[in-house]
N, C-alpha and C. Protein backbone atom coordinates (compact mmCIF):
# COMPACT_ATOMS: atom_id res chain seq x y z
N MET A 1 -0.63 27.48 16.29
CA MET A 1 -0.04 26.65 17.02
C MET A 1 1.88 26.47 16.32
N ASP A 2 2.58 26.83 17.22
CA ASP A 2 4.10 26.25 16.43
C ASP A 2 4.14 24.87 16.67
N GLY A 3 5.39 24.21 15.30
CA GLY A 3 5.60 22.81 15.50
C GLY A 3 5.27 22.76 14.28
N ARG A 4 6.01 21.28 13.74
CA ARG A 4 5.53 20.85 12.33
C ARG A 4 5.02 19.20 12.23
N ILE A 5 4.10 18.84 11.51
CA ILE A 5 4.38 17.31 11.54
C ILE A 5 4.69 16.65 11.05
N ALA A 6 5.09 15.86 10.79
CA ALA A 6 6.37 14.84 10.05
C ALA A 6 5.78 13.19 9.72
N ILE A 7 4.99 13.27 8.74
CA ILE A 7 4.88 11.76 8.60
C ILE A 7 5.88 10.79 7.67
N GLU A 8 6.05 9.86 8.24
CA GLU A 8 7.32 8.62 7.47
C GLU A 8 6.90 8.12 6.35
N ASP A 9 7.47 7.73 5.39
CA ASP A 9 7.26 7.04 4.16
C ASP A 9 6.99 5.86 4.46
N ALA A 10 7.65 5.42 5.44
CA ALA A 10 7.40 3.90 5.82
C ALA A 10 5.45 3.86 6.43
N VAL A 11 5.28 4.76 7.38
CA VAL A 11 4.01 4.84 7.66
C VAL A 11 3.14 4.92 6.68
N VAL A 12 3.24 5.60 5.39
CA VAL A 12 2.70 5.69 4.45
C VAL A 12 2.13 4.37 3.18
N ALA A 13 3.75 3.87 3.58
CA ALA A 13 3.62 2.35 2.72
C ALA A 13 2.70 1.59 3.61
N ARG A 14 3.22 1.61 5.26
CA ARG A 14 2.05 0.76 5.52
C ARG A 14 0.40 0.62 5.76
N ILE A 15 0.06 2.21 5.78
CA ILE A 15 -1.40 2.14 5.00
C ILE A 15 -1.62 2.03 3.96
N ALA A 16 -0.51 2.08 2.90
CA ALA A 16 -1.01 1.69 1.51
C ALA A 16 -0.93 -0.09 1.22
N GLU A 17 -0.30 -0.55 1.82
CA GLU A 17 0.14 -2.50 2.32
C GLU A 17 -1.08 -2.73 2.45
N LEU A 18 -1.67 -2.22 3.67
CA LEU A 18 -3.25 -2.80 4.49
C LEU A 18 -4.09 -2.81 3.66
N ALA A 19 -4.33 -1.55 2.79
CA ALA A 19 -5.20 -0.73 2.18
C ALA A 19 -5.23 -2.16 0.19
N ALA A 20 -3.77 -2.88 0.40
CA ALA A 20 -3.96 -3.49 -0.65
C ALA A 20 -4.20 -4.88 -0.37
N LEU A 21 -3.85 -4.93 0.80
CA LEU A 21 -4.40 -6.69 1.79
C LEU A 21 -5.81 -6.75 1.50
N ASP A 22 -6.39 -5.67 1.96
CA ASP A 22 -7.92 -5.66 1.97
C ASP A 22 -8.43 -6.08 0.94
N VAL A 23 -8.03 -5.84 -0.18
CA VAL A 23 -8.64 -6.41 -1.39
C VAL A 23 -8.72 -7.70 -2.14
N ARG A 24 -10.15 -8.02 -2.13
CA ARG A 24 -10.38 -9.37 -2.83
C ARG A 24 -9.39 -9.53 -3.92
N GLY A 25 -8.38 -10.91 -3.63
CA GLY A 25 -8.21 -11.52 -4.49
C GLY A 25 -6.49 -11.20 -4.51
N VAL A 26 -6.54 -10.24 -3.67
CA VAL A 26 -4.44 -10.38 -3.19
C VAL A 26 -4.31 -11.35 -2.09
N VAL A 27 -3.37 -11.66 -2.55
CA VAL A 27 -2.80 -13.05 -1.85
C VAL A 27 -1.57 -12.59 -0.94
N ALA A 28 -0.99 -11.89 -1.40
CA ALA A 28 0.09 -10.82 -0.84
C ALA A 28 0.83 -9.72 -1.64
N LEU A 29 1.83 -9.55 -0.79
CA LEU A 29 2.36 -7.96 -1.60
C LEU A 29 4.12 -8.92 -2.02
N ALA A 30 4.05 -8.44 -3.16
CA ALA A 30 6.24 -8.52 -3.68
C ALA A 30 6.24 -7.43 -4.17
N ALA A 31 7.77 -7.61 -4.50
CA ALA A 31 8.62 -6.29 -4.45
C ALA A 31 8.14 -6.17 -5.94
N PRO A 32 7.91 -4.34 -5.90
CA PRO A 32 7.27 -3.92 -7.34
C PRO A 32 8.50 -4.10 -8.23
N HIS A 33 8.44 -4.64 -9.17
CA HIS A 33 9.12 -4.52 -10.40
C HIS A 33 10.32 -5.76 -10.03
N GLY A 34 10.74 -6.54 -9.32
CA GLY A 34 11.60 -7.03 -8.64
C GLY A 34 12.78 -7.00 -8.06
N ASP A 35 12.46 -5.32 -7.19
CA ASP A 35 13.29 -5.08 -6.73
C ASP A 35 13.71 -4.94 -5.30
N GLY A 36 13.38 -6.36 -5.04
CA GLY A 36 13.94 -6.57 -3.91
C GLY A 36 13.53 -6.24 -2.66
N GLU A 37 12.89 -4.88 -2.30
CA GLU A 37 12.26 -5.04 -1.25
C GLU A 37 11.44 -4.32 -1.06
N GLY A 38 10.59 -5.11 -0.12
CA GLY A 38 9.09 -5.03 0.42
C GLY A 38 8.05 -5.23 -1.18
N GLY A 39 6.83 -4.64 -0.58
CA GLY A 39 5.89 -4.92 -1.47
C GLY A 39 5.19 -3.59 -2.05
N VAL A 40 5.63 -2.49 -1.03
CA VAL A 40 5.08 -1.29 -1.13
C VAL A 40 6.65 0.13 -1.17
N ARG A 41 6.61 1.22 -2.19
CA ARG A 41 6.98 2.08 -1.82
C ARG A 41 6.35 3.08 -2.04
N ALA A 42 6.56 4.16 -1.07
CA ALA A 42 6.05 5.41 -0.86
C ALA A 42 6.69 6.44 -1.03
N ARG A 43 6.71 7.56 -1.05
CA ARG A 43 7.28 9.16 -1.39
C ARG A 43 6.14 10.14 -1.44
N VAL A 44 6.29 10.64 -0.50
CA VAL A 44 5.84 11.93 0.05
C VAL A 44 6.52 13.26 -0.31
N ARG A 45 6.10 14.12 -0.82
CA ARG A 45 6.77 15.07 -1.47
C ARG A 45 5.73 15.86 -1.78
N ASP A 46 6.19 17.66 -0.83
CA ASP A 46 5.23 18.49 -0.89
C ASP A 46 3.78 18.41 -1.05
N GLY A 47 3.52 17.41 0.24
CA GLY A 47 2.15 17.82 0.62
C GLY A 47 1.76 16.43 -0.30
N ALA A 48 2.12 15.55 -0.90
CA ALA A 48 1.22 14.56 -1.69
C ALA A 48 2.13 13.67 -1.63
N VAL A 49 1.18 12.54 -2.11
CA VAL A 49 2.26 11.26 -2.14
C VAL A 49 1.67 10.24 -3.39
N ALA A 50 2.82 9.38 -3.48
CA ALA A 50 2.90 8.56 -4.76
C ALA A 50 3.07 6.94 -4.58
N LEU A 51 2.42 6.25 -4.80
CA LEU A 51 2.84 4.35 -4.08
C LEU A 51 3.23 4.08 -5.63
N ASP A 52 3.78 2.94 -5.17
CA ASP A 52 4.31 1.82 -5.84
C ASP A 52 3.89 0.66 -5.34
N LEU A 53 2.97 -0.20 -5.74
CA LEU A 53 2.89 -1.12 -5.21
C LEU A 53 3.01 -2.82 -6.36
N GLY A 54 3.62 -3.65 -5.58
CA GLY A 54 4.00 -4.94 -6.18
C GLY A 54 2.50 -5.76 -5.43
N ILE A 55 1.81 -6.43 -6.32
CA ILE A 55 0.97 -7.46 -5.76
C ILE A 55 0.85 -8.83 -6.25
N VAL A 56 0.64 -10.00 -5.61
CA VAL A 56 0.25 -11.09 -5.97
C VAL A 56 -0.94 -11.71 -5.77
N VAL A 57 -1.80 -12.14 -6.99
CA VAL A 57 -3.18 -12.14 -7.23
C VAL A 57 -3.51 -13.62 -6.96
N ALA A 58 -4.61 -13.93 -6.60
CA ALA A 58 -5.09 -15.10 -6.25
C ALA A 58 -5.25 -15.65 -7.83
N TYR A 59 -5.22 -17.42 -7.98
CA TYR A 59 -5.73 -17.58 -9.49
C TYR A 59 -6.90 -17.85 -9.36
N GLY A 60 -7.62 -17.59 -10.85
CA GLY A 60 -8.74 -17.48 -10.93
C GLY A 60 -9.56 -16.22 -10.75
N SER A 61 -8.85 -14.95 -10.05
CA SER A 61 -9.32 -13.98 -10.16
C SER A 61 -8.81 -13.13 -11.55
N VAL A 62 -9.94 -12.45 -11.79
CA VAL A 62 -9.72 -11.38 -12.81
C VAL A 62 -8.58 -10.08 -12.29
N VAL A 63 -7.32 -10.43 -13.01
CA VAL A 63 -6.37 -10.10 -12.75
C VAL A 63 -6.14 -8.31 -12.90
N ARG A 64 -7.17 -7.54 -13.82
CA ARG A 64 -7.06 -6.26 -14.03
C ARG A 64 -7.53 -5.81 -13.18
N ASP A 65 -8.98 -6.13 -12.85
CA ASP A 65 -10.28 -5.82 -11.68
C ASP A 65 -9.82 -6.00 -10.59
N VAL A 66 -8.54 -7.10 -10.16
CA VAL A 66 -7.77 -7.04 -8.79
C VAL A 66 -7.00 -5.91 -8.38
N ALA A 67 -6.16 -5.46 -9.23
CA ALA A 67 -5.39 -4.66 -9.82
C ALA A 67 -5.97 -3.05 -9.75
N GLY A 68 -7.05 -2.55 -10.28
CA GLY A 68 -7.92 -1.58 -10.12
C GLY A 68 -7.91 -1.59 -9.10
N ALA A 69 -8.70 -2.23 -8.24
CA ALA A 69 -9.35 -2.30 -7.02
C ALA A 69 -7.77 -1.81 -5.81
N VAL A 70 -7.18 -2.51 -5.90
CA VAL A 70 -6.03 -2.07 -5.39
C VAL A 70 -5.78 -0.77 -5.64
N GLN A 71 -5.76 0.06 -7.12
CA GLN A 71 -5.08 1.34 -7.15
C GLN A 71 -6.59 2.01 -6.25
N GLU A 72 -7.42 2.04 -6.37
CA GLU A 72 -8.29 2.82 -5.83
C GLU A 72 -8.64 2.74 -4.16
N ASN A 73 -8.54 1.56 -3.32
CA ASN A 73 -8.74 0.96 -2.58
C ASN A 73 -7.14 2.00 -1.61
N ALA A 74 -5.78 2.43 -2.56
CA ALA A 74 -4.86 2.46 -1.54
C ALA A 74 -5.20 3.77 -1.84
N ALA A 75 -5.55 4.47 -2.70
CA ALA A 75 -5.34 6.06 -2.83
C ALA A 75 -6.88 6.31 -1.99
N ARG A 76 -7.96 5.47 -1.72
CA ARG A 76 -8.82 6.32 -0.83
C ARG A 76 -8.01 6.43 0.42
N MET A 77 -7.86 5.22 1.20
CA MET A 77 -6.92 5.18 2.42
C MET A 77 -5.87 6.26 2.83
N ALA A 78 -4.83 6.08 2.18
CA ALA A 78 -4.04 7.08 1.82
C ALA A 78 -4.56 8.62 1.69
N GLY A 79 -5.50 8.73 1.51
CA GLY A 79 -5.92 10.19 1.14
C GLY A 79 -6.90 10.57 2.26
N LEU A 80 -7.32 9.79 2.77
CA LEU A 80 -8.66 9.72 3.73
C LEU A 80 -7.09 9.92 5.42
N MET A 81 -6.69 8.59 5.43
CA MET A 81 -6.16 8.62 6.77
C MET A 81 -4.63 9.57 6.67
N LEU A 82 -4.20 10.52 5.88
CA LEU A 82 -3.22 11.04 5.42
C LEU A 82 -3.56 12.48 5.00
N GLY A 83 -5.03 13.04 4.74
CA GLY A 83 -5.30 14.33 4.44
C GLY A 83 -4.52 14.67 3.61
N MET A 84 -3.55 14.03 2.34
CA MET A 84 -2.72 14.38 1.52
C MET A 84 -3.41 14.53 0.22
N ARG A 85 -3.05 14.66 -0.70
CA ARG A 85 -3.47 14.29 -1.98
C ARG A 85 -2.70 13.16 -2.66
N VAL A 86 -3.44 12.30 -3.14
CA VAL A 86 -2.59 11.34 -4.16
C VAL A 86 -2.34 11.61 -5.19
N THR A 87 -1.26 11.21 -5.97
CA THR A 87 -0.63 11.81 -7.63
C THR A 87 -0.82 10.73 -8.25
N ALA A 88 -0.72 9.44 -7.36
CA ALA A 88 -0.47 8.38 -8.52
C ALA A 88 -0.11 6.63 -7.38
N VAL A 89 -0.72 5.73 -8.00
CA VAL A 89 -1.10 4.46 -7.29
C VAL A 89 -0.82 3.50 -8.68
N ASN A 90 1.07 2.99 -8.68
CA ASN A 90 1.21 2.42 -9.71
C ASN A 90 1.22 0.83 -9.02
N VAL A 91 0.57 0.12 -9.94
CA VAL A 91 0.29 -0.93 -8.91
C VAL A 91 1.30 -2.17 -10.29
N SER A 92 2.23 -3.40 -9.94
CA SER A 92 2.24 -4.13 -10.37
C SER A 92 2.19 -5.28 -10.11
N VAL A 93 1.45 -6.38 -11.43
CA VAL A 93 1.22 -7.83 -10.66
C VAL A 93 2.37 -8.40 -10.74
N GLU A 94 2.78 -8.72 -10.02
CA GLU A 94 4.59 -9.84 -10.08
C GLU A 94 4.12 -11.12 -9.77
N ASP A 95 2.86 -11.70 -9.42
CA ASP A 95 2.94 -13.20 -9.31
C ASP A 95 1.71 -14.21 -9.49
N VAL A 96 0.94 -14.76 -9.61
CA VAL A 96 -0.62 -15.17 -9.37
C VAL A 96 -0.24 -16.39 -8.86
N ARG A 97 -0.78 -16.82 -7.99
CA ARG A 97 -0.70 -18.36 -6.66
C ARG A 97 -2.32 -18.36 -6.45
N ARG A 98 -1.92 -20.02 -5.96
CA ARG A 98 -3.52 -20.15 -5.30
C ARG A 98 -3.19 -19.58 -4.04
N PRO A 99 -4.56 -19.07 -3.64
CA PRO A 99 -5.02 -18.88 -2.21
C PRO A 99 -4.35 -19.69 -0.91
N PRO A 100 -3.86 -19.15 0.21
CA PRO A 100 -4.02 -19.98 1.32
C PRO A 100 -5.45 -21.02 1.52
N ALA A 101 -4.91 -22.38 1.49
CA ALA A 101 -6.60 -23.15 2.45
C ALA A 101 -7.33 -22.80 3.40
C-alpha cells in the first residue's frame, strides 16, 4: 500500500511522560537540565527514538532506583507503542520533594 506514517516528536514525548509518571517514586516531571521546556525531549530519527527526561523524585525514595525504573519503563513503552528501536533514555533528576498528601 502507498502512503507514509509520521509520528510527531510530541507524541513520542507524551508516551515517555506517561511512562515516567507511572513509576512509583516519581512526583512530577521537570525540564531536563534546567532548559525550561517541559519534562521530556524526544527525537525520532531514521526509525529510532532517543529520549531526555527530567524527573522530580519523592522524598524518601531511592533516587537511583527510581531513575533506573523510569529509564526501563520509558524505553519499554516507547518501543512497544511505537514499534521503533529506542537508542537512549537519559534521565536527569532535577528535584526531590514530598509527594502530594
